[in-house]
Amino acid sequence: MKTFTIGNWQRIVAATLTATTIAFTTNAAFAQLLKGAGASFSEPLYQRYSAEYERETGVKFNYNSIGSGGGIRLFINKTLDFGGTTLIPTPIEKNQMEDGLLMVPTGGGAIAIVYNLEDVTSDVKLSREQLAQIFTGKIANWNQVDSRFPSKKIQVVVQSDSSGTTLTLTKYLRKITGGKIEATREPNWGFQVFAALPQDSAVAGEVRRIDGAIGYVQTSFARKNNLATARIENRASRYVEPTLAETEKALANIKFNDDFTTEDIDDPEDGYPLVSLSWLLFYEKYPNETLVQANKNLLTWILTKGQGFNRELGYTKIPEDVANKVIETANNEFRVRL
């Protein structure tokens, strides 16, 4: 199986760039509004892409945050031009994608463990064991986390939709507990959580509202809501925050498969341990040549100029050799549905 590594991301394949350079047009034929929806994990990034793409090309695209599972469902139902996900579609889901599938990686990000502890000024540091025990209800009071913290009930807030963020968290918990916790999009947590809400924005808002709350969101939502983020123990026994630098360390050696999915990153050797990649789902076949070209143009822009906005928003960039290979694949595979 061929793999591409982030370790050599700075290597630019000149021939590929030459072959995939495109001229954007504001011709009325390409002014059709493109529709996308899916994971909330990368919504801040895609909203920035949308603004910059329209500014540069005059072409608009919309992206609505409905969760990874919702994005996959609407993509299968052909109600979107492209979907967004942090989930890799299952074989059953792929078999329902009658117009084919090209998974386009767009960036990597971190899942912050966010909390609200009023009148506590010291950082919250969670060992691997403590993190697992909090999200299984075995640690229920902040005083059990640190004796300096008040005796206050931990109010656990989780995501309720078919969530890639939840799957990433539960895959990590499964890994660090030796399989005792099930990895799933919609887990049964095994205890009464305080609240289950759809998407990152709702979870972030609830954690901000409730003293004693803890939850998990993509780091952009933590910053936007001015939420404190816990330091998490990684495999190297370092307690790290979900910074861009630590996220880049965690994803430094990630491998991409031929279909641009990734190898196991459930528990990276170093860096921040709770990380995920995001993908956009494009069809291989579209109803007409206008949509073929419009989606090809958008995909190419995201993987070239669009990548320049990733780090500013706290997301890692896709390696250039991987991006070029995706563009080459789109140029070869995108076509009109007969």
Foldseek 3Di string as FASTA:
>chain_A
DDKDFLLPLVDADVVLCVVQDDDAELPPLQQDEFEEEEAPLCVVLVVVLQVVCCVVRVHGYDYYYQYHVVQLVVQLVVVGQKYKHLDDDDPVSQVSNVLHKAWAWQFKFFKFWFAAAPPDDDAQAAELVRVLCVLLVNDFFVCVSPVVGDGDGAAEEEAADQHSLQLLVQLLNCVVVVNPGDRGSHDDSNDDHNYHHHHQLVSLVVRLVDHNYIYIGTVLSCVVSVTHTHFYQAQVRDGHGRALVLRCVLRRTWIADPSRDTDDSSGGNGGRRRMTIMIMIHGLADADPSSLVNVLVSLLCSLPVSQVCQVVSRTGHDRNVSSSVSSVVSVVRRDYDD
